PDB file of N, CA and C in Angstrom:
ATOM      1  N   THR A   1     -69.307 -48.065 -85.647  1.00  0.00           N
ATOM      2  CA  THR A   1     -69.351 -46.844 -85.304  1.00  0.00           C
ATOM      3  C   THR A   1     -69.397 -45.879 -86.827  1.00  0.00           C
ATOM      4  N   ASN A   2     -69.737 -44.663 -86.596  1.00  0.00           N
ATOM      5  CA  ASN A   2     -69.563 -43.710 -88.014  1.00  0.00           C
ATOM      6  C   ASN A   2     -68.248 -43.725 -88.532  1.00  0.00           C
ATOM      7  N   LEU A   3     -67.276 -43.657 -87.526  1.00  0.00           N
ATOM      8  CA  LEU A   3     -65.914 -43.370 -87.847  1.00  0.00           C
ATOM      9  C   LEU A   3     -65.375 -44.684 -88.700  1.00  0.00           C
ATOM     10  N   ALA A   4     -65.785 -45.830 -88.375  1.00  0.00           N
ATOM     11  CA  ALA A   4     -65.490 -47.084 -89.303  1.00  0.00           C
ATOM     12  C   ALA A   4     -65.766 -46.920 -90.641  1.00  0.00           C
ATOM     13  N   VAL A   5     -66.797 -46.197 -91.224  1.00  0.00           N
ATOM     14  CA  VAL A   5     -67.099 -46.185 -92.456  1.00  0.00           C
ATOM     15  C   VAL A   5     -66.800 -44.774 -93.240  1.00  0.00           C
ATOM     16  N   SER A   6     -65.950 -43.950 -92.405  1.00  0.00           N
ATOM     17  CA  SER A   6     -65.611 -42.646 -92.924  1.00  0.00           C
ATOM     18  C   SER A   6     -64.325 -42.650 -93.672  1.00  0.00           C
ATOM     19  N   ASP A   7     -64.199 -41.687 -94.537  1.00  0.00           N
ATOM     20  CA  ASP A   7     -62.908 -41.538 -95.154  1.00  0.00           C
ATOM     21  C   ASP A   7     -61.804 -40.509 -94.702  1.00  0.00           C
ATOM     22  N   LEU A   8     -62.381 -39.468 -94.014  1.00  0.00           N
ATOM     23  CA  LEU A   8     -61.741 -38.443 -93.278  1.00  0.00           C
ATOM     24  C   LEU A   8     -62.349 -37.830 -92.015  1.00  0.00           C
ATOM     25  N   PHE A   9     -61.728 -37.291 -91.308  1.00  0.00           N
ATOM     26  CA  PHE A   9     -62.454 -36.706 -90.162  1.00  0.00           C
ATOM     27  C   PHE A   9     -62.172 -35.031 -90.067  1.00  0.00           C
ATOM     28  N   VAL A  10     -63.209 -34.396 -90.199  1.00  0.00           N
ATOM     29  CA  VAL A  10     -63.029 -33.063 -89.844  1.00  0.00           C
ATOM     30  C   VAL A  10     -63.444 -32.477 -88.686  1.00  0.00           C
ATOM     31  N   SER A  11     -62.610 -31.599 -87.933  1.00  0.00           N
ATOM     32  CA  SER A  11     -62.861 -31.246 -86.628  1.00  0.00           C
ATOM     33  C   SER A  11     -62.637 -29.561 -86.599  1.00  0.00           C
ATOM     34  N   ALA A  12     -63.685 -28.920 -86.932  1.00  0.00           N
ATOM     35  CA  ALA A  12     -63.785 -27.597 -86.961  1.00  0.00           C
ATOM     36  C   ALA A  12     -63.942 -26.899 -85.713  1.00  0.00           C
ATOM     37  N   ILE A  13     -62.924 -27.151 -84.788  1.00  0.00           N
ATOM     38  CA  ILE A  13     -62.887 -26.628 -83.400  1.00  0.00           C
ATOM     39  C   ILE A  13     -62.688 -24.978 -83.496  1.00  0.00           C
ATOM     40  N   GLU A  14     -63.423 -24.048 -82.987  1.00  0.00           N
ATOM     41  CA  GLU A  14     -63.200 -22.963 -82.896  1.00  0.00           C
ATOM     42  C   GLU A  14     -61.695 -22.414 -82.384  1.00  0.00           C
ATOM     43  N   ARG A  15     -61.545 -23.070 -81.282  1.00  0.00           N
ATOM     44  CA  ARG A  15     -60.287 -22.550 -80.573  1.00  0.00           C
ATOM     45  C   ARG A  15     -59.013 -23.181 -81.139  1.00  0.00           C
ATOM     46  N   GLY A  16     -59.152 -24.204 -82.012  1.00  0.00           N
ATOM     47  CA  GLY A  16     -57.968 -24.848 -82.573  1.00  0.00           C
ATOM     48  C   GLY A  16     -57.806 -26.191 -81.828  1.00  0.00           C
ATOM     49  N   ALA A  17     -57.465 -27.276 -82.601  1.00  0.00           N
ATOM     50  CA  ALA A  17     -57.317 -28.594 -82.086  1.00  0.00           C
ATOM     51  C   ALA A  17     -56.035 -28.880 -81.407  1.00  0.00           C
ATOM     52  N   ASP A  18     -56.110 -29.782 -80.575  1.00  0.00           N
ATOM     53  CA  ASP A  18     -54.907 -30.401 -79.843  1.00  0.00           C
ATOM     54  C   ASP A  18     -55.323 -31.776 -79.282  1.00  0.00           C
ATOM     55  N   PHE A  19     -54.369 -32.498 -78.553  1.00  0.00           N
ATOM     56  CA  PHE A  19     -54.581 -33.741 -78.048  1.00  0.00           C
ATOM     57  C   PHE A  19     -55.550 -33.803 -76.796  1.00  0.00           C
ATOM     58  N   ARG A  20     -55.999 -32.656 -76.481  1.00  0.00           N
ATOM     59  CA  ARG A  20     -56.786 -32.634 -75.301  1.00  0.00           C
ATOM     60  C   ARG A  20     -58.246 -33.142 -75.794  1.00  0.00           C
ATOM     61  N   ASN A  21     -58.440 -33.094 -77.115  1.00  0.00           N
ATOM     62  CA  ASN A  21     -59.765 -33.298 -77.838  1.00  0.00           C
ATOM     63  C   ASN A  21     -59.815 -34.893 -77.988  1.00  0.00           C
ATOM     64  N   SER A  22     -60.543 -35.460 -77.277  1.00  0.00           N
ATOM     65  CA  SER A  22     -60.479 -36.763 -77.477  1.00  0.00           C
ATOM     66  C   SER A  22     -61.124 -37.434 -78.626  1.00  0.00           C
ATOM     67  N   THR A  23     -62.004 -36.638 -79.446  1.00  0.00           N
ATOM     68  CA  THR A  23     -62.388 -37.064 -80.724  1.00  0.00           C
ATOM     69  C   THR A  23     -61.224 -37.269 -81.605  1.00  0.00           C
ATOM     70  N   LEU A  24     -60.225 -36.419 -81.424  1.00  0.00           N
ATOM     71  CA  LEU A  24     -59.202 -36.664 -82.440  1.00  0.00           C
ATOM     72  C   LEU A  24     -58.524 -38.036 -82.199  1.00  0.00           C
ATOM     73  N   ILE A  25     -58.529 -38.445 -80.965  1.00  0.00           N
ATOM     74  CA  ILE A  25     -57.515 -39.629 -80.786  1.00  0.00           C
ATOM     75  C   ILE A  25     -58.555 -41.067 -81.151  1.00  0.00           C
ATOM     76  N   ALA A  26     -59.933 -40.751 -81.198  1.00  0.00           N
ATOM     77  CA  ALA A  26     -60.756 -41.632 -81.787  1.00  0.00           C
ATOM     78  C   ALA A  26     -60.787 -41.770 -83.006  1.00  0.00           C
ATOM     79  N   ALA A  27     -60.436 -40.691 -83.855  1.00  0.00           N
ATOM     80  CA  ALA A  27     -60.229 -40.683 -85.397  1.00  0.00           C
ATOM     81  C   ALA A  27     -58.836 -41.210 -85.473  1.00  0.00           C
ATOM     82  N   MET A  28     -58.018 -41.059 -84.911  1.00  0.00           N
ATOM     83  CA  MET A  28     -56.790 -41.611 -85.122  1.00  0.00           C
ATOM     84  C   MET A  28     -56.654 -43.282 -85.003  1.00  0.00           C
ATOM     85  N   ASN A  29     -57.391 -43.524 -83.926  1.00  0.00           N
ATOM     86  CA  ASN A  29     -57.726 -45.100 -83.586  1.00  0.00           C
ATOM     87  C   ASN A  29     -58.449 -45.853 -84.824  1.00  0.00           C
ATOM     88  N   ALA A  30     -59.147 -44.936 -85.574  1.00  0.00           N
ATOM     89  CA  ALA A  30     -59.932 -45.350 -86.548  1.00  0.00           C
ATOM     90  C   ALA A  30     -59.049 -45.159 -87.757  1.00  0.00           C
ATOM     91  N   GLY A  31     -57.866 -44.693 -87.596  1.00  0.00           N
ATOM     92  CA  GLY A  31     -57.119 -44.501 -88.892  1.00  0.00           C
ATOM     93  C   GLY A  31     -57.353 -43.532 -90.060  1.00  0.00           C
ATOM     94  N   LEU A  32     -58.007 -42.585 -89.518  1.00  0.00           N
ATOM     95  CA  LEU A  32     -58.808 -41.554 -90.362  1.00  0.00           C
ATOM     96  C   LEU A  32     -57.521 -40.150 -90.476  1.00  0.00           C
ATOM     97  N   PRO A  33     -57.403 -39.781 -91.657  1.00  0.00           N
ATOM     98  CA  PRO A  33     -56.729 -38.493 -91.693  1.00  0.00           C
ATOM     99  C   PRO A  33     -57.609 -37.342 -91.264  1.00  0.00           C
ATOM    100  N   ILE A  34     -57.059 -36.396 -90.762  1.00  0.00           N
ATOM    101  CA  ILE A  34     -57.825 -35.445 -89.784  1.00  0.00           C
ATOM    102  C   ILE A  34     -57.552 -34.011 -90.525  1.00  0.00           C
ATOM    103  N   LEU A  35     -58.598 -33.341 -90.817  1.00  0.00           N
ATOM    104  CA  LEU A  35     -58.682 -31.930 -91.042  1.00  0.00           C
ATOM    105  C   LEU A  35     -59.312 -31.137 -90.031  1.00  0.00           C
ATOM    106  N   THR A  36     -58.357 -30.205 -89.420  1.00  0.00           N
ATOM    107  CA  THR A  36     -58.490 -29.472 -88.315  1.00  0.00           C
ATOM    108  C   THR A  36     -58.486 -28.025 -88.329  1.00  0.00           C
ATOM    109  N   THR A  37     -58.623 -27.306 -87.355  1.00  0.00           N
ATOM    110  CA  THR A  37     -58.126 -25.929 -87.254  1.00  0.00           C
ATOM    111  C   THR A  37     -56.862 -25.703 -86.488  1.00  0.00           C
ATOM    112  N   GLN A  38     -56.469 -24.362 -86.632  1.00  0.00           N
ATOM    113  CA  GLN A  38     -55.300 -23.759 -86.049  1.00  0.00           C
ATOM    114  C   GLN A  38     -55.971 -23.033 -84.983  1.00  0.00           C
ATOM    115  N   ASN A  39     -55.142 -22.816 -83.784  1.00  0.00           N
ATOM    116  CA  ASN A  39     -55.691 -21.848 -82.903  1.00  0.00           C
ATOM    117  C   ASN A  39     -55.528 -20.469 -83.344  1.00  0.00           C
ATOM    118  N   ARG A  40     -56.321 -19.492 -83.456  1.00  0.00           N
ATOM    119  CA  ARG A  40     -56.272 -18.056 -83.759  1.00  0.00           C
ATOM    120  C   ARG A  40     -55.122 -17.420 -83.163  1.00  0.00           C
ATOM    121  N   ARG A  41     -54.921 -17.534 -81.969  1.00  0.00           N
ATOM    122  CA  ARG A  41     -53.707 -16.871 -81.136  1.00  0.00           C
ATOM    123  C   ARG A  41     -52.450 -17.545 -81.130  1.00  0.00           C
ATOM    124  N   TYR A  42     -52.344 -18.926 -81.087  1.00  0.00           N
ATOM    125  CA  TYR A  42     -51.255 -19.738 -80.888  1.00  0.00           C
ATOM    126  C   TYR A  42     -50.927 -20.438 -82.139  1.00  0.00           C
ATOM    127  N   GLY A  43     -51.605 -20.527 -83.254  1.00  0.00           N
ATOM    128  CA  GLY A  43     -51.223 -21.203 -84.421  1.00  0.00           C
ATOM    129  C   GLY A  43     -51.541 -22.700 -84.191  1.00  0.00           C
ATOM    130  N   ILE A  44     -50.781 -23.491 -84.927  1.00  0.00           N
ATOM    131  CA  ILE A  44     -50.988 -25.044 -85.040  1.00  0.00           C
ATOM    132  C   ILE A  44     -50.382 -25.513 -83.865  1.00  0.00           C
ATOM    133  N   ASP A  45     -51.223 -26.480 -83.267  1.00  0.00           N
ATOM    134  CA  ASP A  45     -50.662 -27.305 -82.457  1.00  0.00           C
ATOM    135  C   ASP A  45     -49.460 -28.208 -82.733  1.00  0.00           C
ATOM    136  N   ARG A  46     -48.162 -27.907 -81.981  1.00  0.00           N
ATOM    137  CA  ARG A  46     -46.909 -28.774 -82.463  1.00  0.00           C
ATOM    138  C   ARG A  46     -46.852 -30.106 -82.518  1.00  0.00           C
ATOM    139  N   GLU A  47     -47.741 -30.759 -81.398  1.00  0.00           N
ATOM    140  CA  GLU A  47     -47.593 -32.271 -81.509  1.00  0.00           C
ATOM    141  C   GLU A  47     -48.718 -32.746 -82.731  1.00  0.00           C
ATOM    142  N   LEU A  48     -49.704 -32.121 -82.863  1.00  0.00           N
ATOM    143  CA  LEU A  48     -50.587 -32.600 -83.863  1.00  0.00           C
ATOM    144  C   LEU A  48     -49.724 -32.292 -85.397  1.00  0.00           C
ATOM    145  N   GLU A  49     -49.283 -31.305 -85.530  1.00  0.00           N
ATOM    146  CA  GLU A  49     -48.509 -30.941 -86.596  1.00  0.00           C
ATOM    147  C   GLU A  49     -47.492 -32.196 -87.081  1.00  0.00           C
ATOM    148  N   GLN A  50     -46.669 -32.427 -85.915  1.00  0.00           N
ATOM    149  CA  GLN A  50     -45.693 -33.530 -86.047  1.00  0.00           C
ATOM    150  C   GLN A  50     -46.114 -34.840 -86.238  1.00  0.00           C
ATOM    151  N   SER A  51     -47.542 -35.044 -86.013  1.00  0.00           N
ATOM    152  CA  SER A  51     -47.883 -36.381 -86.209  1.00  0.00           C
ATOM    153  C   SER A  51     -48.031 -36.711 -87.663  1.00  0.00           C
ATOM    154  N   GLY A  52     -48.359 -35.912 -88.652  1.00  0.00           N
ATOM    155  CA  GLY A  52     -48.191 -36.107 -89.864  1.00  0.00           C
ATOM    156  C   GLY A  52     -49.576 -36.599 -90.279  1.00  0.00           C
ATOM    157  N   ALA A  53     -50.704 -36.617 -89.235  1.00  0.00           N
ATOM    158  CA  ALA A  53     -51.890 -37.158 -89.715  1.00  0.00           C
ATOM    159  C   ALA A  53     -53.089 -36.150 -89.880  1.00  0.00           C
ATOM    160  N   CYS A  54     -52.569 -34.825 -89.945  1.00  0.00           N
ATOM    161  CA  CYS A  54     -53.462 -33.803 -89.921  1.00  0.00           C
ATOM    162  C   CYS A  54     -53.060 -32.742 -91.037  1.00  0.00           C
ATOM    163  N   LEU A  55     -54.027 -32.225 -91.677  1.00  0.00           N
ATOM    164  CA  LEU A  55     -53.943 -31.108 -92.511  1.00  0.00           C
ATOM    165  C   LEU A  55     -54.961 -29.983 -91.507  1.00  0.00           C
ATOM    166  N   PHE A  56     -54.378 -28.511 -91.843  1.00  0.00           N
ATOM    167  CA  PHE A  56     -54.963 -27.419 -90.806  1.00  0.00           C
ATOM    168  C   PHE A  56     -55.650 -26.660 -91.903  1.00  0.00           C
ATOM    169  N   PHE A  57     -56.647 -25.828 -91.366  1.00  0.00           N
ATOM    170  CA  PHE A  57     -57.183 -24.839 -92.081  1.00  0.00           C
ATOM    171  C   PHE A  57     -57.700 -23.877 -91.115  1.00  0.00           C
ATOM    172  N   ASP A  58     -58.025 -22.645 -91.602  1.00  0.00           N
ATOM    173  CA  ASP A  58     -58.358 -21.473 -90.831  1.00  0.00           C
ATOM    174  C   ASP A  58     -59.835 -21.743 -90.285  1.00  0.00           C
ATOM    175  N   PRO A  59     -59.964 -21.407 -89.119  1.00  0.00           N
ATOM    176  CA  PRO A  59     -61.486 -21.788 -88.583  1.00  0.00           C
ATOM    177  C   PRO A  59     -62.545 -20.647 -89.081  1.00  0.00           C
ATOM    178  N   ASP A  60     -61.861 -19.636 -89.542  1.00  0.00           N
ATOM    179  CA  ASP A  60     -62.687 -18.527 -89.950  1.00  0.00           C
ATOM    180  C   ASP A  60     -62.822 -18.634 -91.633  1.00  0.00           C
ATOM    181  N   SER A  61     -62.642 -19.429 -92.256  1.00  0.00           N
ATOM    182  CA  SER A  61     -62.570 -19.677 -93.647  1.00  0.00           C
ATOM    183  C   SER A  61     -62.888 -20.754 -94.318  1.00  0.00           C
ATOM    184  N   PRO A  62     -64.429 -20.816 -94.743  1.00  0.00           N
ATOM    185  CA  PRO A  62     -65.040 -21.909 -95.128  1.00  0.00           C
ATOM    186  C   PRO A  62     -64.346 -22.185 -96.363  1.00  0.00           C
ATOM    187  N   SER A  63     -63.811 -21.385 -97.341  1.00  0.00           N
ATOM    188  CA  SER A  63     -63.226 -21.859 -98.503  1.00  0.00           C
ATOM    189  C   SER A  63     -61.801 -22.531 -98.282  1.00  0.00           C
ATOM    190  N   SER A  64     -61.207 -22.312 -96.917  1.00  0.00           N
ATOM    191  CA  SER A  64     -60.070 -22.907 -96.593  1.00  0.00           C
ATOM    192  C   SER A  64     -60.432 -24.641 -96.432  1.00  0.00           C
ATOM    193  N   LEU A  65     -61.637 -24.691 -95.492  1.00  0.00           N
ATOM    194  CA  LEU A  65     -61.854 -25.809 -95.236  1.00  0.00           C
ATOM    195  C   LEU A  65     -62.092 -26.798 -96.696  1.00  0.00           C
ATOM    196  N   ALA A  66     -62.871 -26.051 -97.540  1.00  0.00           N
ATOM    197  CA  ALA A  66     -63.366 -26.757 -98.906  1.00  0.00           C
ATOM    198  C   ALA A  66     -62.197 -27.058 -99.606  1.00  0.00           C
ATOM    199  N   GLN A  67     -61.083 -26.235 -99.637  1.00  0.00           N
ATOM    200  CA  GLN A  67     -59.890 -26.530-100.294  1.00  0.00           C
ATOM    201  C   GLN A  67     -59.153 -27.791 -99.646  1.00  0.00           C
ATOM    202  N   SER A  68     -59.202 -27.880 -98.545  1.00  0.00           N
ATOM    203  CA  SER A  68     -58.540 -29.020 -97.646  1.00  0.00           C
ATOM    204  C   SER A  68     -59.108 -30.232 -98.090  1.00  0.00           C
ATOM    205  N   ILE A  69     -60.577 -30.323 -98.101  1.00  0.00           N
ATOM    206  CA  ILE A  69     -61.218 -31.421 -98.233  1.00  0.00           C
ATOM    207  C   ILE A  69     -60.980 -31.756 -99.765  1.00  0.00           C
ATOM    208  N   GLN A  70     -61.160 -31.013-100.588  1.00  0.00           N
ATOM    209  CA  GLN A  70     -60.737 -31.103-102.070  1.00  0.00           C
ATOM    210  C   GLN A  70     -59.413 -31.746-102.282  1.00  0.00           C
ATOM    211  N   LYS A  71     -58.274 -31.286-101.703  1.00  0.00           N
ATOM    212  CA  LYS A  71     -56.969 -31.637-101.739  1.00  0.00           C
ATOM    213  C   LYS A  71     -57.047 -33.246-101.350  1.00  0.00           C
ATOM    214  N   MET A  72     -57.657 -33.556-100.152  1.00  0.00           N
ATOM    215  CA  MET A  72     -57.770 -34.899 -99.745  1.00  0.00           C
ATOM    216  C   MET A  72     -58.454 -35.822-100.739  1.00  0.00           C
ATOM    217  N   ALA A  73     -59.649 -35.272-101.267  1.00  0.00           N
ATOM    218  CA  ALA A  73     -60.320 -35.948-102.291  1.00  0.00           C
ATOM    219  C   ALA A  73     -59.615 -36.507-103.413  1.00  0.00           C
ATOM    220  N   GLN A  74     -58.801 -35.552-103.928  1.00  0.00           N
ATOM    221  CA  GLN A  74     -57.845 -35.681-105.043  1.00  0.00           C
ATOM    222  C   GLN A  74     -56.516 -36.588-105.037  1.00  0.00           C
ATOM    223  N   ASN A  75     -56.342 -36.781-103.614  1.00  0.00           N
ATOM    224  CA  ASN A  75     -55.083 -37.425-103.290  1.00  0.00           C
ATOM    225  C   ASN A  75     -55.023 -38.748-102.432  1.00  0.00           C
ATOM    226  N   PRO A  76     -55.371 -39.738-103.247  1.00  0.00           N
ATOM    227  CA  PRO A  76     -55.603 -40.709-102.292  1.00  0.00           C
ATOM    228  C   PRO A  76     -54.141 -41.289-101.544  1.00  0.00           C
ATOM    229  N   SER A  77     -52.944 -41.107-102.092  1.00  0.00           N
ATOM    230  CA  SER A  77     -51.553 -41.475-101.555  1.00  0.00           C
ATOM    231  C   SER A  77     -51.482 -40.536-100.276  1.00  0.00           C
ATOM    232  N   LEU A  78     -51.915 -39.339-100.337  1.00  0.00           N
ATOM    233  CA  LEU A  78     -51.822 -38.562 -99.194  1.00  0.00           C
ATOM    234  C   LEU A  78     -52.883 -38.907 -98.113  1.00  0.00           C
ATOM    235  N   ARG A  79     -54.024 -39.466 -98.517  1.00  0.00           N
ATOM    236  CA  ARG A  79     -55.069 -40.125 -97.548  1.00  0.00           C
ATOM    237  C   ARG A  79     -54.318 -41.303 -96.907  1.00  0.00           C
ATOM    238  N   LEU A  80     -53.823 -42.137 -97.664  1.00  0.00           N
ATOM    239  CA  LEU A  80     -53.192 -43.211 -97.311  1.00  0.00           C
ATOM    240  C   LEU A  80     -51.945 -43.291 -96.398  1.00  0.00           C
ATOM    241  N   GLU A  81     -51.056 -42.252 -96.600  1.00  0.00           N
ATOM    242  CA  GLU A  81     -50.001 -41.818 -95.785  1.00  0.00           C
ATOM    243  C   GLU A  81     -50.457 -41.119 -94.375  1.00  0.00           C
ATOM    244  N   MET A  82     -51.492 -40.248 -94.377  1.00  0.00           N
ATOM    245  CA  MET A  82     -51.963 -39.822 -93.090  1.00  0.00           C
ATOM    246  C   MET A  82     -52.748 -40.727 -92.323  1.00  0.00           C
ATOM    247  N   SER A  83     -53.436 -41.567 -93.050  1.00  0.00           N
ATOM    248  CA  SER A  83     -54.181 -42.644 -92.083  1.00  0.00           C
ATOM    249  C   SER A  83     -53.099 -43.609 -91.475  1.00  0.00           C
ATOM    250  N   ASN A  84     -51.978 -43.797 -92.059  1.00  0.00           N
ATOM    251  CA  ASN A  84     -50.969 -44.811 -91.391  1.00  0.00           C
ATOM    252  C   ASN A  84     -50.195 -44.076 -90.488  1.00  0.00           C
ATOM    253  N   ARG A  85     -50.160 -42.664 -90.607  1.00  0.00           N
ATOM    254  CA  ARG A  85     -49.590 -41.977 -89.445  1.00  0.00           C
ATOM    255  C   ARG A  85     -50.496 -41.780 -88.307  1.00  0.00           C
ATOM    256  N   ALA A  86     -51.788 -41.677 -88.553  1.00  0.00           N
ATOM    257  CA  ALA A  86     -52.876 -41.626 -87.519  1.00  0.00           C
ATOM    258  C   ALA A  86     -52.545 -42.761 -86.700  1.00  0.00           C
ATOM    259  N   ARG A  87     -52.865 -43.944 -87.406  1.00  0.00           N
ATOM    260  CA  ARG A  87     -52.781 -45.269 -86.492  1.00  0.00           C
ATOM    261  C   ARG A  87     -51.411 -45.453 -85.776  1.00  0.00           C
ATOM    262  N   GLU A  88     -50.477 -44.754 -86.402  1.00  0.00           N
ATOM    263  CA  GLU A  88     -48.939 -44.943 -85.413  1.00  0.00           C
ATOM    264  C   GLU A  88     -49.326 -44.143 -84.351  1.00  0.00           C
ATOM    265  N   ARG A  89     -49.571 -42.590 -84.454  1.00  0.00           N
ATOM    266  CA  ARG A  89     -49.712 -41.895 -83.414  1.00  0.00           C
ATOM    267  C   ARG A  89     -50.738 -42.311 -82.166  1.00  0.00           C
ATOM    268  N   ALA A  90     -51.693 -42.921 -82.702  1.00  0.00           N
ATOM    269  CA  ALA A  90     -52.844 -43.391 -81.954  1.00  0.00           C
ATOM    270  C   ALA A  90     -52.254 -44.283 -80.822  1.00  0.00           C
ATOM    271  N   GLN A  91     -51.111 -45.166 -81.148  1.00  0.00           N
ATOM    272  CA  GLN A  91     -50.552 -45.886 -80.278  1.00  0.00           C
ATOM    273  C   GLN A  91     -49.919 -45.214 -79.005  1.00  0.00           C
ATOM    274  N   GLN A  92     -49.586 -44.062 -79.377  1.00  0.00           N
ATOM    275  CA  GLN A  92     -48.961 -43.309 -78.198  1.00  0.00           C
ATOM    276  C   GLN A  92     -49.836 -42.645 -77.194  1.00  0.00           C
ATOM    277  N   HIS A  93     -51.075 -42.490 -77.746  1.00  0.00           N
ATOM    278  CA  HIS A  93     -52.435 -41.693 -77.039  1.00  0.00           C
ATOM    279  C   HIS A  93     -53.417 -42.762 -76.695  1.00  0.00           C
ATOM    280  N   THR A  94     -52.888 -43.576 -75.704  1.00  0.00           N
ATOM    281  CA  THR A  94     -54.206 -44.589 -75.199  1.00  0.00           C
ATOM    282  C   THR A  94     -55.008 -44.005 -74.399  1.00  0.00           C
ATOM    283  N   TRP A  95     -56.470 -44.432 -74.270  1.00  0.00           N
ATOM    284  CA  TRP A  95     -57.317 -43.747 -73.448  1.00  0.00           C
ATOM    285  C   TRP A  95     -56.797 -43.521 -71.987  1.00  0.00           C
ATOM    286  N   PRO A  96     -56.056 -44.609 -71.400  1.00  0.00           N
ATOM    287  CA  PRO A  96     -55.788 -44.374 -69.767  1.00  0.00           C
ATOM    288  C   PRO A  96     -54.657 -43.184 -69.645  1.00  0.00           C
ATOM    289  N   ARG A  97     -53.780 -43.264 -70.953  1.00  0.00           N
ATOM    290  CA  ARG A  97     -52.652 -42.042 -70.802  1.00  0.00           C
ATOM    291  C   ARG A  97     -53.456 -40.822 -70.836  1.00  0.00           C
ATOM    292  N   HIS A  98     -54.513 -40.610 -71.842  1.00  0.00           N
ATOM    293  CA  HIS A  98     -55.418 -39.536 -72.115  1.00  0.00           C
ATOM    294  C   HIS A  98     -55.900 -38.973 -70.634  1.00  0.00           C
ATOM    295  N   ALA A  99     -56.627 -39.940 -70.081  1.00  0.00           N
ATOM    296  CA  ALA A  99     -57.414 -39.751 -68.921  1.00  0.00           C
ATOM    297  C   ALA A  99     -56.389 -39.297 -67.713  1.00  0.00           C
ATOM    298  N   SER A 100     -55.305 -39.846 -67.617  1.00  0.00           N
ATOM    299  CA  SER A 100     -54.328 -39.432 -66.495  1.00  0.00           C
ATOM    300  C   SER A 100     -53.793 -38.105 -66.955  1.00  0.00           C
ATOM    301  N   VAL A 101     -53.802 -37.565 -68.095  1.00  0.00           N
ATOM    302  CA  VAL A 101     -52.925 -36.234 -68.317  1.00  0.00           C
ATOM    303  C   VAL A 101     -54.137 -35.286 -68.045  1.00  0.00           C
ATOM    304  N   LEU A 102     -55.210 -35.542 -68.730  1.00  0.00           N
ATOM    305  CA  LEU A 102     -56.527 -34.552 -68.183  1.00  0.00           C
ATOM    306  C   LEU A 102     -56.944 -34.407 -66.728  1.00  0.00           C
ATOM    307  N   ASP A 103     -56.610 -35.623 -65.967  1.00  0.00           N
ATOM    308  CA  ASP A 103     -56.795 -35.723 -64.628  1.00  0.00           C
ATOM    309  C   ASP A 103     -55.809 -34.894 -63.869  1.00  0.00           C
ATOM    310  N   ARG A 104     -54.682 -34.975 -64.223  1.00  0.00           N
ATOM    311  CA  ARG A 104     -53.788 -34.044 -63.644  1.00  0.00           C
ATOM    312  C   ARG A 104     -53.795 -32.587 -63.970  1.00  0.00           C
ATOM    313  N   ALA A 105     -53.989 -32.256 -65.176  1.00  0.00           N
ATOM    314  CA  ALA A 105     -54.406 -30.891 -65.616  1.00  0.00           C
ATOM    315  C   ALA A 105     -55.706 -30.327 -64.850  1.00  0.00           C
ATOM    316  N   TYR A 106     -56.755 -31.144 -64.546  1.00  0.00           N
ATOM    317  CA  TYR A 106     -58.018 -30.647 -64.049  1.00  0.00           C
ATOM    318  C   TYR A 106     -57.568 -30.315 -62.560  1.00  0.00           C
ATOM    319  N   ARG A 107     -56.682 -31.312 -61.757  1.00  0.00           N
ATOM    320  CA  ARG A 107     -56.262 -31.060 -60.626  1.00  0.00           C
ATOM    321  C   ARG A 107     -55.158 -29.933 -60.439  1.00  0.00           C
ATOM    322  N   GLY A 108     -54.634 -29.353 -61.272  1.00  0.00           N
ATOM    323  CA  GLY A 108     -53.716 -28.292 -61.472  1.00  0.00           C
ATOM    324  C   GLY A 108     -52.380 -28.851 -61.027  1.00  0.00           C
ATOM    325  N   LEU A 109     -52.230 -30.012 -61.331  1.00  0.00           N
ATOM    326  CA  LEU A 109     -50.755 -30.801 -61.284  1.00  0.00           C
ATOM    327  C   LEU A 109     -50.093 -30.480 -62.521  1.00  0.00           C
ATOM    328  N   PRO A 110     -48.840 -30.563 -62.527  1.00  0.00           N
ATOM    329  CA  PRO A 110     -47.796 -30.602 -63.733  1.00  0.00           C
ATOM    330  C   PRO A 110     -48.060 -31.945 -64.466  1.00  0.00           C
ATOM    331  N   PRO A 111     -47.750 -32.055 -65.644  1.00  0.00           N
ATOM    332  CA  PRO A 111     -47.776 -33.285 -66.287  1.00  0.00           C
ATOM    333  C   PRO A 111     -46.587 -34.132 -65.893  1.00  0.00           C
ATOM    334  N   GLU A 112     -46.653 -35.395 -65.804  1.00  0.00           N
ATOM    335  CA  GLU A 112     -45.646 -36.308 -65.538  1.00  0.00           C
ATOM    336  C   GLU A 112     -44.721 -36.262 -66.629  1.00  0.00           C
ATOM    337  N   PRO A 113     -43.503 -36.306 -66.413  1.00  0.00           N
ATOM    338  CA  PRO A 113     -42.465 -36.197 -67.530  1.00  0.00           C
ATOM    339  C   PRO A 113     -42.645 -37.188 -68.591  1.00  0.00           C
ATOM    340  N   GLY A 114     -42.640 -36.928 -69.736  1.00  0.00           N
ATOM    341  CA  GLY A 114     -42.960 -37.826 -71.191  1.00  0.00           C
ATOM    342  C   GLY A 114     -44.413 -38.032 -71.270  1.00  0.00           C
ATOM    343  N   ASN A 115     -45.292 -37.388 -70.405  1.00  0.00           N
ATOM    344  CA  ASN A 115     -46.582 -37.658 -70.603  1.00  0.00           C
ATOM    345  C   ASN A 115     -47.565 -36.436 -70.703  1.00  0.00           C
ATOM    346  N   GLU A 116     -46.828 -35.488 -71.738  1.00  0.00           N
ATOM    347  CA  GLU A 116     -47.267 -34.099 -71.691  1.00  0.00           C
ATOM    348  C   GLU A 116     -48.282 -34.116 -72.811  1.00  0.00           C
ATOM    349  N   LEU A 117     -49.221 -33.149 -72.851  1.00  0.00           N
ATOM    350  CA  LEU A 117     -49.943 -32.824 -74.135  1.00  0.00           C
ATOM    351  C   LEU A 117     -49.618 -31.474 -74.296  1.00  0.00           C
ATOM    352  N   SER A 118     -49.489 -31.107 -75.704  1.00  0.00           N
ATOM    353  CA  SER A 118     -49.336 -29.964 -76.130  1.00  0.00           C
ATOM    354  C   SER A 118     -50.816 -29.040 -75.644  1.00  0.00           C
ATOM    355  N   ILE A 119     -50.479 -27.963 -74.895  1.00  0.00           N
ATOM    356  CA  ILE A 119     -51.746 -27.262 -74.491  1.00  0.00           C
ATOM    357  C   ILE A 119     -51.374 -25.557 -74.683  1.00  0.00           C
ATOM    358  N   PRO A 120     -51.896 -25.103 -75.806  1.00  0.00           N
ATOM    359  CA  PRO A 120     -51.545 -23.742 -76.076  1.00  0.00           C
ATOM    360  C   PRO A 120     -51.692 -22.657 -74.909  1.00  0.00           C
TER     361      PRO A 120
END
């Protein structure tokens, strides 16, 4: 896939990224450092921030994205650290777990204890 030959993953989601976004899980499974957005109203998703696999930029600021890309390009040790953290976090976000959480959310059911996603 294209992820296998990538150096980093950029997700410029206007609403802000969180673990409901399955493309983030695919990027983490590929061991990619992630550049993504913060939610305008709620800020940075706590679980993504704690993962250590993401840098966040303002979705309304192309220069913020450019600075984040430049930071990653100039810092191979940061990319490696974020890549390792992405792979570690991906172990906690398997596709069956992700599908189960989303299914419960779509049906209006509360998350199972210990199986929550951060939803702003």
